[in-house]
All heavy atoms as atom14 arrays in JSON, in Angstrom:
{
  "sequence": "HKHFRLHVWDITANVLSVRSIPKLIKFLWETYPDVKVQIRPVIN",
  "atom14_mask": [
    [1, 1, 1, 1, 1, 1, 1, 1, 1, 1, 0, 0, 0, 0],
    [1, 1, 1, 1, 1, 1, 1, 1, 1, 0, 0, 0, 0, 0],
    [1, 1, 1, 1, 1, 1, 1, 1, 1, 1, 0, 0, 0, 0],
    [1, 1, 1, 1, 1, 1, 1, 1, 1, 1, 1, 0, 0, 0],
    [1, 1, 1, 1, 1, 1, 1, 1, 1, 1, 1, 0, 0, 0],
    [1, 1, 1, 1, 1, 1, 1, 1, 0, 0, 0, 0, 0, 0],
    [1, 1, 1, 1, 1, 1, 1, 1, 1, 1, 0, 0, 0, 0],
    [1, 1, 1, 1, 1, 1, 1, 0, 0, 0, 0, 0, 0, 0],
    [1, 1, 1, 1, 1, 1, 1, 1, 1, 1, 1, 1, 1, 1],
    [1, 1, 1, 1, 1, 1, 1, 1, 0, 0, 0, 0, 0, 0],
    [1, 1, 1, 1, 1, 1, 1, 1, 0, 0, 0, 0, 0, 0],
    [1, 1, 1, 1, 1, 1, 1, 0, 0, 0, 0, 0, 0, 0],
    [1, 1, 1, 1, 1, 0, 0, 0, 0, 0, 0, 0, 0, 0],
    [1, 1, 1, 1, 1, 1, 1, 1, 0, 0, 0, 0, 0, 0],
    [1, 1, 1, 1, 1, 1, 1, 0, 0, 0, 0, 0, 0, 0],
    [1, 1, 1, 1, 1, 1, 1, 1, 0, 0, 0, 0, 0, 0],
    [1, 1, 1, 1, 1, 1, 0, 0, 0, 0, 0, 0, 0, 0],
    [1, 1, 1, 1, 1, 1, 1, 0, 0, 0, 0, 0, 0, 0],
    [1, 1, 1, 1, 1, 1, 1, 1, 1, 1, 1, 0, 0, 0],
    [1, 1, 1, 1, 1, 1, 0, 0, 0, 0, 0, 0, 0, 0],
    [1, 1, 1, 1, 1, 1, 1, 1, 0, 0, 0, 0, 0, 0],
    [1, 1, 1, 1, 1, 1, 1, 0, 0, 0, 0, 0, 0, 0],
    [1, 1, 1, 1, 1, 1, 1, 1, 1, 0, 0, 0, 0, 0],
    [1, 1, 1, 1, 1, 1, 1, 1, 0, 0, 0, 0, 0, 0],
    [1, 1, 1, 1, 1, 1, 1, 1, 0, 0, 0, 0, 0, 0],
    [1, 1, 1, 1, 1, 1, 1, 1, 1, 0, 0, 0, 0, 0],
    [1, 1, 1, 1, 1, 1, 1, 1, 1, 1, 1, 0, 0, 0],
    [1, 1, 1, 1, 1, 1, 1, 1, 0, 0, 0, 0, 0, 0],
    [1, 1, 1, 1, 1, 1, 1, 1, 1, 1, 1, 1, 1, 1],
    [1, 1, 1, 1, 1, 1, 1, 1, 1, 0, 0, 0, 0, 0],
    [1, 1, 1, 1, 1, 1, 1, 0, 0, 0, 0, 0, 0, 0],
    [1, 1, 1, 1, 1, 1, 1, 1, 1, 1, 1, 1, 0, 0],
    [1, 1, 1, 1, 1, 1, 1, 0, 0, 0, 0, 0, 0, 0],
    [1, 1, 1, 1, 1, 1, 1, 1, 0, 0, 0, 0, 0, 0],
    [1, 1, 1, 1, 1, 1, 1, 0, 0, 0, 0, 0, 0, 0],
    [1, 1, 1, 1, 1, 1, 1, 1, 1, 0, 0, 0, 0, 0],
    [1, 1, 1, 1, 1, 1, 1, 0, 0, 0, 0, 0, 0, 0],
    [1, 1, 1, 1, 1, 1, 1, 1, 1, 0, 0, 0, 0, 0],
    [1, 1, 1, 1, 1, 1, 1, 1, 0, 0, 0, 0, 0, 0],
    [1, 1, 1, 1, 1, 1, 1, 1, 1, 1, 1, 0, 0, 0],
    [1, 1, 1, 1, 1, 1, 1, 0, 0, 0, 0, 0, 0, 0],
    [1, 1, 1, 1, 1, 1, 1, 0, 0, 0, 0, 0, 0, 0],
    [1, 1, 1, 1, 1, 1, 1, 1, 0, 0, 0, 0, 0, 0],
    [1, 1, 1, 1, 1, 1, 1, 1, 0, 0, 0, 0, 0, 0]
  ],
  "atom14_positions": [
    [[0.14, 57.88, 23.61], [0.12, 58.31, 22.21], [1.52, 58.28, 21.59], [1.69, 58.01, 20.4], [-0.47, 59.72, 22.13], [-0.67, 60.22, 20.74], [-1.5, 59.6, 19.84], [-0.12, 61.29, 20.08], [-1.49, 60.26, 18.69], [-0.65, 61.27, 18.81], [0.0, 0.0, 0.0], [0.0, 0.0, 0.0], [0.0, 0.0, 0.0], [0.0, 0.0, 0.0]],
    [[2.51, 58.52, 22.41], [3.9, 58.53, 21.93], [4.35, 57.14, 21.49], [5.06, 56.99, 20.49], [4.82, 59.04, 23.04], [6.3, 58.98, 22.72], [7.13, 59.44, 23.91], [8.63, 59.3, 23.64], [9.44, 59.71, 24.82], [0.0, 0.0, 0.0], [0.0, 0.0, 0.0], [0.0, 0.0, 0.0], [0.0, 0.0, 0.0], [0.0, 0.0, 0.0]],
    [[3.91, 56.11, 22.22], [4.42, 54.76, 21.98], [3.49, 53.89, 21.13], [3.96, 53.01, 20.4], [4.67, 54.05, 23.31], [5.82, 54.61, 24.09], [7.13, 54.38, 23.75], [5.84, 55.41, 25.18], [7.93, 55.0, 24.59], [7.18, 55.63, 25.48], [0.0, 0.0, 0.0], [0.0, 0.0, 0.0], [0.0, 0.0, 0.0], [0.0, 0.0, 0.0]],
    [[2.18, 54.12, 21.23], [1.23, 53.23, 20.56], [0.1, 54.03, 19.94], [-0.06, 55.22, 20.21], [0.68, 52.2, 21.55], [1.74, 51.38, 22.21], [2.13, 51.64, 23.51], [2.4, 50.38, 21.51], [3.13, 50.9, 24.12], [3.4, 49.63, 22.1], [3.78, 49.9, 23.41], [0.0, 0.0, 0.0], [0.0, 0.0, 0.0], [0.0, 0.0, 0.0]],
    [[-0.7, 53.34, 19.17], [-1.82, 54.01, 18.51], [-3.02, 54.09, 19.45], [-3.54, 53.08, 19.89], [-2.22, 53.27, 17.23], [-3.38, 53.95, 16.53], [-3.78, 53.24, 15.26], [-4.96, 53.85, 14.67], [-5.58, 53.4, 13.6], [-5.12, 52.34, 12.97], [-6.66, 54.01, 13.14], [0.0, 0.0, 0.0], [0.0, 0.0, 0.0], [0.0, 0.0, 0.0]],
    [[-3.43, 55.32, 19.75], [-4.69, 55.5, 20.47], [-5.81, 55.28, 19.46], [-5.94, 56.0, 18.47], [-4.77, 56.91, 21.06], [-3.77, 57.23, 22.18], [-3.91, 58.69, 22.62], [-3.96, 56.31, 23.37], [0.0, 0.0, 0.0], [0.0, 0.0, 0.0], [0.0, 0.0, 0.0], [0.0, 0.0, 0.0], [0.0, 0.0, 0.0], [0.0, 0.0, 0.0]],
    [[-6.61, 54.28, 19.72], [-7.6, 53.83, 18.74], [-8.97, 54.45, 18.97], [-9.63, 54.9, 18.04], [-7.69, 52.31, 18.83], [-8.74, 51.69, 17.96], [-8.85, 51.96, 16.62], [-9.73, 50.81, 18.25], [-9.85, 51.27, 16.11], [-10.41, 50.58, 17.07], [0.0, 0.0, 0.0], [0.0, 0.0, 0.0], [0.0, 0.0, 0.0], [0.0, 0.0, 0.0]],
    [[-9.4, 54.5, 20.23], [-10.74, 54.98, 20.55], [-10.73, 55.71, 21.89], [-10.1, 55.26, 22.85], [-11.75, 53.8, 20.65], [-13.11, 54.29, 21.16], [-11.93, 53.12, 19.3], [0.0, 0.0, 0.0], [0.0, 0.0, 0.0], [0.0, 0.0, 0.0], [0.0, 0.0, 0.0], [0.0, 0.0, 0.0], [0.0, 0.0, 0.0], [0.0, 0.0, 0.0]],
    [[-11.41, 56.85, 21.93], [-11.78, 57.46, 23.21], [-13.13, 56.87, 23.58], [-14.1, 57.03, 22.85], [-11.9, 58.98, 23.08], [-10.63, 59.65, 22.65], [-10.4, 60.32, 21.48], [-9.4, 59.72, 23.39], [-9.11, 60.79, 21.45], [-8.47, 60.44, 22.6], [-9.0, 59.24, 24.64], [-7.17, 60.69, 23.02], [-7.7, 59.49, 25.06], [-6.8, 60.21, 24.26]],
    [[-13.18, 56.19, 24.69], [-14.38, 55.45, 25.09], [-15.08, 56.23, 26.21], [-14.63, 56.23, 27.35], [-13.97, 54.05, 25.57], [-15.15, 53.12, 25.7], [-16.28, 53.55, 25.45], [-14.94, 51.95, 26.06], [0.0, 0.0, 0.0], [0.0, 0.0, 0.0], [0.0, 0.0, 0.0], [0.0, 0.0, 0.0], [0.0, 0.0, 0.0], [0.0, 0.0, 0.0]],
    [[-16.18, 56.89, 25.88], [-16.89, 57.75, 26.83], [-18.19, 57.1, 27.26], [-19.0, 56.7, 26.43], [-17.2, 59.12, 26.19], [-15.91, 59.81, 25.74], [-17.97, 60.01, 27.17], [-16.15, 61.08, 24.93], [0.0, 0.0, 0.0], [0.0, 0.0, 0.0], [0.0, 0.0, 0.0], [0.0, 0.0, 0.0], [0.0, 0.0, 0.0], [0.0, 0.0, 0.0]],
    [[-18.37, 56.98, 28.57], [-19.64, 56.51, 29.13], [-20.36, 57.72, 29.69], [-19.92, 58.31, 30.68], [-19.41, 55.46, 30.22], [-18.68, 54.35, 29.68], [-20.74, 54.94, 30.76], [0.0, 0.0, 0.0], [0.0, 0.0, 0.0], [0.0, 0.0, 0.0], [0.0, 0.0, 0.0], [0.0, 0.0, 0.0], [0.0, 0.0, 0.0], [0.0, 0.0, 0.0]],
    [[-21.45, 58.1, 29.05], [-22.17, 59.31, 29.44], [-23.25, 59.0, 30.46], [-24.03, 58.07, 30.27], [-22.79, 59.96, 28.2], [0.0, 0.0, 0.0], [0.0, 0.0, 0.0], [0.0, 0.0, 0.0], [0.0, 0.0, 0.0], [0.0, 0.0, 0.0], [0.0, 0.0, 0.0], [0.0, 0.0, 0.0], [0.0, 0.0, 0.0], [0.0, 0.0, 0.0]],
    [[-23.29, 59.78, 31.52], [-24.38, 59.65, 32.49], [-24.94, 61.03, 32.77], [-24.37, 62.05, 32.38], [-23.9, 58.96, 33.77], [-22.97, 59.82, 34.6], [-23.39, 60.77, 35.25], [-21.67, 59.48, 34.59], [0.0, 0.0, 0.0], [0.0, 0.0, 0.0], [0.0, 0.0, 0.0], [0.0, 0.0, 0.0], [0.0, 0.0, 0.0], [0.0, 0.0, 0.0]],
    [[-26.06, 61.08, 33.46], [-26.78, 62.34, 33.64], [-25.97, 63.38, 34.42], [-26.21, 64.58, 34.29], [-28.14, 62.07, 34.33], [-27.94, 61.71, 35.8], [-29.08, 63.25, 34.17], [0.0, 0.0, 0.0], [0.0, 0.0, 0.0], [0.0, 0.0, 0.0], [0.0, 0.0, 0.0], [0.0, 0.0, 0.0], [0.0, 0.0, 0.0], [0.0, 0.0, 0.0]],
    [[-25.0, 62.94, 35.21], [-24.22, 63.86, 36.02], [-22.92, 64.3, 35.36], [-22.24, 65.2, 35.85], [-23.92, 63.23, 37.39], [-25.16, 62.89, 38.23], [-24.75, 62.16, 39.51], [-25.97, 64.14, 38.55], [0.0, 0.0, 0.0], [0.0, 0.0, 0.0], [0.0, 0.0, 0.0], [0.0, 0.0, 0.0], [0.0, 0.0, 0.0], [0.0, 0.0, 0.0]],
    [[-22.58, 63.68, 34.23], [-21.35, 64.05, 33.51], [-21.62, 64.62, 32.13], [-20.75, 65.25, 31.53], [-20.42, 62.83, 33.37], [-21.0, 61.87, 32.5], [0.0, 0.0, 0.0], [0.0, 0.0, 0.0], [0.0, 0.0, 0.0], [0.0, 0.0, 0.0], [0.0, 0.0, 0.0], [0.0, 0.0, 0.0], [0.0, 0.0, 0.0], [0.0, 0.0, 0.0]],
    [[-22.82, 64.41, 31.61], [-23.11, 64.68, 30.2], [-22.95, 66.16, 29.84], [-22.64, 66.49, 28.69], [-24.51, 64.16, 29.82], [-25.62, 65.02, 30.45], [-24.68, 64.08, 28.32], [0.0, 0.0, 0.0], [0.0, 0.0, 0.0], [0.0, 0.0, 0.0], [0.0, 0.0, 0.0], [0.0, 0.0, 0.0], [0.0, 0.0, 0.0], [0.0, 0.0, 0.0]],
    [[-23.12, 67.05, 30.82], [-23.02, 68.47, 30.51], [-21.57, 68.9, 30.22], [-21.33, 69.92, 29.56], [-23.6, 69.29, 31.66], [-25.11, 69.28, 31.68], [-25.71, 69.61, 33.04], [-25.26, 70.87, 33.62], [-25.78, 72.07, 33.38], [-26.79, 72.16, 32.51], [-25.33, 73.15, 33.99], [0.0, 0.0, 0.0], [0.0, 0.0, 0.0], [0.0, 0.0, 0.0]],
    [[-20.59, 68.13, 30.68], [-19.19, 68.47, 30.43], [-18.61, 67.75, 29.21], [-17.51, 68.06, 28.77], [-18.34, 68.14, 31.66], [-18.05, 66.74, 31.73], [0.0, 0.0, 0.0], [0.0, 0.0, 0.0], [0.0, 0.0, 0.0], [0.0, 0.0, 0.0], [0.0, 0.0, 0.0], [0.0, 0.0, 0.0], [0.0, 0.0, 0.0], [0.0, 0.0, 0.0]],
    [[-19.35, 66.8, 28.67], [-18.8, 65.94, 27.62], [-18.54, 66.68, 26.3], [-17.52, 66.41, 25.64], [-19.69, 64.7, 27.44], [-19.49, 63.78, 28.65], [-19.36, 63.96, 26.15], [-20.37, 62.54, 28.66], [0.0, 0.0, 0.0], [0.0, 0.0, 0.0], [0.0, 0.0, 0.0], [0.0, 0.0, 0.0], [0.0, 0.0, 0.0], [0.0, 0.0, 0.0]],
    [[-19.39, 67.6, 25.85], [-19.04, 68.33, 24.63], [-17.67, 69.02, 24.69], [-16.91, 68.99, 23.72], [-20.18, 69.36, 24.5], [-21.35, 68.67, 25.12], [-20.77, 67.93, 26.3], [0.0, 0.0, 0.0], [0.0, 0.0, 0.0], [0.0, 0.0, 0.0], [0.0, 0.0, 0.0], [0.0, 0.0, 0.0], [0.0, 0.0, 0.0], [0.0, 0.0, 0.0]],
    [[-17.34, 69.61, 25.85], [-16.03, 70.25, 25.99], [-14.91, 69.21, 25.88], [-13.87, 69.46, 25.26], [-15.94, 70.99, 27.32], [-14.65, 71.78, 27.5], [-14.66, 72.61, 28.78], [-13.37, 73.41, 28.91], [-13.37, 74.25, 30.14], [0.0, 0.0, 0.0], [0.0, 0.0, 0.0], [0.0, 0.0, 0.0], [0.0, 0.0, 0.0], [0.0, 0.0, 0.0]],
    [[-15.13, 68.05, 26.49], [-14.15, 66.96, 26.4], [-13.94, 66.54, 24.96], [-12.8, 66.41, 24.49], [-14.63, 65.77, 27.23], [-13.88, 64.46, 27.02], [-12.45, 64.57, 27.52], [-14.61, 63.3, 27.71], [0.0, 0.0, 0.0], [0.0, 0.0, 0.0], [0.0, 0.0, 0.0], [0.0, 0.0, 0.0], [0.0, 0.0, 0.0], [0.0, 0.0, 0.0]],
    [[-15.03, 66.34, 24.24], [-14.94, 65.86, 22.86], [-14.24, 66.88, 21.96], [-13.4, 66.53, 21.12], [-16.35, 65.52, 22.32], [-16.9, 64.3, 23.06], [-16.3, 65.26, 20.81], [-18.34, 63.96, 22.72], [0.0, 0.0, 0.0], [0.0, 0.0, 0.0], [0.0, 0.0, 0.0], [0.0, 0.0, 0.0], [0.0, 0.0, 0.0], [0.0, 0.0, 0.0]],
    [[-14.55, 68.16, 22.14], [-13.88, 69.2, 21.36], [-12.37, 69.16, 21.58], [-11.58, 69.29, 20.64], [-14.44, 70.57, 21.73], [-15.86, 70.82, 21.26], [-16.38, 72.15, 21.78], [-17.85, 72.36, 21.46], [-18.37, 73.62, 22.04], [0.0, 0.0, 0.0], [0.0, 0.0, 0.0], [0.0, 0.0, 0.0], [0.0, 0.0, 0.0], [0.0, 0.0, 0.0]],
    [[-11.97, 68.97, 22.84], [-10.55, 68.88, 23.16], [-9.92, 67.67, 22.48], [-8.82, 67.75, 21.9], [-10.35, 68.78, 24.67], [-8.98, 68.32, 25.08], [-7.91, 69.19, 25.07], [-8.76, 67.0, 25.47], [-6.63, 68.76, 25.43], [-7.49, 66.56, 25.83], [-6.42, 67.45, 25.81], [0.0, 0.0, 0.0], [0.0, 0.0, 0.0], [0.0, 0.0, 0.0]],
    [[-10.59, 66.52, 22.53], [-10.05, 65.3, 21.94], [-9.92, 65.45, 20.43], [-8.92, 65.02, 19.83], [-10.94, 64.11, 22.28], [-11.03, 63.75, 23.77], [-12.03, 62.63, 23.99], [-9.66, 63.35, 24.32], [0.0, 0.0, 0.0], [0.0, 0.0, 0.0], [0.0, 0.0, 0.0], [0.0, 0.0, 0.0], [0.0, 0.0, 0.0], [0.0, 0.0, 0.0]],
    [[-10.91, 66.04, 19.78], [-10.84, 66.25, 18.34], [-9.69, 67.18, 17.96], [-9.02, 66.96, 16.96], [-12.17, 66.83, 17.84], [-13.25, 65.81, 17.66], [-13.08, 64.45, 17.54], [-14.65, 66.06, 17.58], [-14.31, 63.84, 17.39], [-15.28, 64.8, 17.4], [-15.43, 67.2, 17.64], [-16.66, 64.67, 17.29], [-16.81, 67.08, 17.52], [-17.42, 65.82, 17.35]],
    [[-9.47, 68.22, 18.74], [-8.41, 69.18, 18.43], [-7.02, 68.6, 18.69], [-6.08, 68.86, 17.93], [-8.6, 70.45, 19.28], [-9.83, 71.27, 18.9], [-10.1, 72.38, 19.9], [-9.32, 72.52, 20.87], [-11.11, 73.1, 19.73], [0.0, 0.0, 0.0], [0.0, 0.0, 0.0], [0.0, 0.0, 0.0], [0.0, 0.0, 0.0], [0.0, 0.0, 0.0]],
    [[-6.91, 67.8, 19.76], [-5.59, 67.3, 20.18], [-5.22, 65.99, 19.5], [-4.04, 65.76, 19.18], [-5.56, 67.11, 21.71], [-6.08, 68.28, 22.35], [-4.14, 66.87, 22.19], [0.0, 0.0, 0.0], [0.0, 0.0, 0.0], [0.0, 0.0, 0.0], [0.0, 0.0, 0.0], [0.0, 0.0, 0.0], [0.0, 0.0, 0.0], [0.0, 0.0, 0.0]],
    [[-6.21, 65.14, 19.27], [-5.97, 63.82, 18.67], [-6.97, 63.61, 17.52], [-7.9, 62.8, 17.62], [-6.13, 62.71, 19.71], [-5.25, 62.89, 20.92], [-5.74, 63.47, 22.09], [-3.91, 62.48, 20.91], [-4.92, 63.64, 23.21], [-3.09, 62.65, 22.02], [-3.61, 63.23, 23.16], [-2.81, 63.39, 24.27], [0.0, 0.0, 0.0], [0.0, 0.0, 0.0]],
    [[-6.83, 64.35, 16.44], [-7.83, 64.34, 15.37], [-8.04, 62.99, 14.69], [-9.08, 62.77, 14.07], [-7.3, 65.39, 14.38], [-5.83, 65.48, 14.67], [-5.7, 65.25, 16.13], [0.0, 0.0, 0.0], [0.0, 0.0, 0.0], [0.0, 0.0, 0.0], [0.0, 0.0, 0.0], [0.0, 0.0, 0.0], [0.0, 0.0, 0.0], [0.0, 0.0, 0.0]],
    [[-7.06, 62.1, 14.8], [-7.17, 60.81, 14.1], [-7.78, 59.71, 14.97], [-7.94, 58.58, 14.51], [-5.79, 60.36, 13.61], [-5.21, 61.31, 12.59], [-5.99, 61.93, 11.84], [-3.97, 61.45, 12.54], [0.0, 0.0, 0.0], [0.0, 0.0, 0.0], [0.0, 0.0, 0.0], [0.0, 0.0, 0.0], [0.0, 0.0, 0.0], [0.0, 0.0, 0.0]],
    [[-8.1, 60.04, 16.23], [-8.62, 59.03, 17.15], [-10.14, 59.08, 17.19], [-10.73, 60.15, 17.35], [-8.05, 59.23, 18.57], [-8.52, 58.12, 19.5], [-6.52, 59.26, 18.53], [0.0, 0.0, 0.0], [0.0, 0.0, 0.0], [0.0, 0.0, 0.0], [0.0, 0.0, 0.0], [0.0, 0.0, 0.0], [0.0, 0.0, 0.0], [0.0, 0.0, 0.0]],
    [[-10.75, 57.94, 17.03], [-12.2, 57.84, 17.0], [-12.79, 58.09, 18.39], [-12.22, 57.67, 19.4], [-12.6, 56.46, 16.48], [-14.1, 56.22, 16.36], [-14.39, 54.96, 15.57], [-13.78, 53.73, 16.2], [-14.15, 52.48, 15.48], [0.0, 0.0, 0.0], [0.0, 0.0, 0.0], [0.0, 0.0, 0.0], [0.0, 0.0, 0.0], [0.0, 0.0, 0.0]],
    [[-13.94, 58.74, 18.44], [-14.66, 58.95, 19.7], [-15.9, 58.06, 19.71], [-16.72, 58.13, 18.79], [-15.06, 60.42, 19.9], [-15.88, 60.58, 21.18], [-13.83, 61.31, 19.96], [0.0, 0.0, 0.0], [0.0, 0.0, 0.0], [0.0, 0.0, 0.0], [0.0, 0.0, 0.0], [0.0, 0.0, 0.0], [0.0, 0.0, 0.0], [0.0, 0.0, 0.0]],
    [[-16.0, 57.25, 20.73], [-17.16, 56.36, 20.89], [-17.86, 56.74, 22.2], [-17.2, 56.95, 23.22], [-16.71, 54.9, 20.91], [-17.83, 53.89, 20.95], [-17.29, 52.47, 20.89], [-16.9, 51.89, 21.89], [-17.26, 51.91, 19.7], [0.0, 0.0, 0.0], [0.0, 0.0, 0.0], [0.0, 0.0, 0.0], [0.0, 0.0, 0.0], [0.0, 0.0, 0.0]],
    [[-19.17, 56.8, 22.18], [-19.91, 57.21, 23.36], [-21.12, 56.32, 23.56], [-21.73, 55.86, 22.6], [-20.32, 58.7, 23.25], [-20.96, 59.19, 24.54], [-21.21, 58.95, 22.05], [-21.11, 60.7, 24.6], [0.0, 0.0, 0.0], [0.0, 0.0, 0.0], [0.0, 0.0, 0.0], [0.0, 0.0, 0.0], [0.0, 0.0, 0.0], [0.0, 0.0, 0.0]],
    [[-21.44, 56.05, 24.82], [-22.59, 55.21, 25.15], [-23.2, 55.72, 26.45], [-22.51, 56.33, 27.27], [-22.16, 53.75, 25.31], [-21.07, 53.57, 26.34], [-20.51, 52.18, 26.35], [-19.29, 52.13, 27.15], [-18.54, 51.05, 27.3], [-18.9, 49.93, 26.71], [-17.44, 51.08, 28.02], [0.0, 0.0, 0.0], [0.0, 0.0, 0.0], [0.0, 0.0, 0.0]],
    [[-24.47, 55.47, 26.67], [-25.1, 55.95, 27.9], [-25.09, 54.9, 29.0], [-25.02, 53.69, 28.74], [-26.55, 56.2, 27.44], [-26.78, 55.11, 26.42], [-25.45, 54.9, 25.72], [0.0, 0.0, 0.0], [0.0, 0.0, 0.0], [0.0, 0.0, 0.0], [0.0, 0.0, 0.0], [0.0, 0.0, 0.0], [0.0, 0.0, 0.0], [0.0, 0.0, 0.0]],
    [[-25.15, 55.37, 30.24], [-25.39, 54.47, 31.37], [-26.88, 54.12, 31.38], [-27.73, 55.01, 31.36], [-25.0, 55.14, 32.71], [-25.46, 54.29, 33.88], [-23.5, 55.36, 32.77], [0.0, 0.0, 0.0], [0.0, 0.0, 0.0], [0.0, 0.0, 0.0], [0.0, 0.0, 0.0], [0.0, 0.0, 0.0], [0.0, 0.0, 0.0], [0.0, 0.0, 0.0]],
    [[-27.19, 52.83, 31.4], [-28.59, 52.43, 31.4], [-28.91, 51.45, 32.54], [-30.05, 51.03, 32.7], [-29.0, 51.78, 30.06], [-28.12, 50.57, 29.74], [-28.95, 52.8, 28.93], [-28.54, 49.79, 28.51], [0.0, 0.0, 0.0], [0.0, 0.0, 0.0], [0.0, 0.0, 0.0], [0.0, 0.0, 0.0], [0.0, 0.0, 0.0], [0.0, 0.0, 0.0]],
    [[-27.9, 51.1, 33.33], [-28.1, 50.06, 34.35], [-27.92, 50.57, 35.78], [-27.76, 49.78, 36.69], [-27.16, 48.88, 34.09], [-25.69, 49.29, 34.11], [-25.38, 50.48, 34.24], [-24.8, 48.33, 34.0], [0.0, 0.0, 0.0], [0.0, 0.0, 0.0], [0.0, 0.0, 0.0], [0.0, 0.0, 0.0], [0.0, 0.0, 0.0], [0.0, 0.0, 0.0]]
  ]
}
C-alpha cells in the first residue's frame, strides 16, 4: 500500500472460511476504505 495502489481485495469464499469473512471485510473497509472488495465462491 505504501508503494502502489491496492486495487482489489480478492476473496475466494468456501464453506470452511465463510464464517470468518465478514470480520475480514470489516477490517479491510476500515483500514483501506478506498480499495474495492471482490468475492467469489468455490464451485469446483
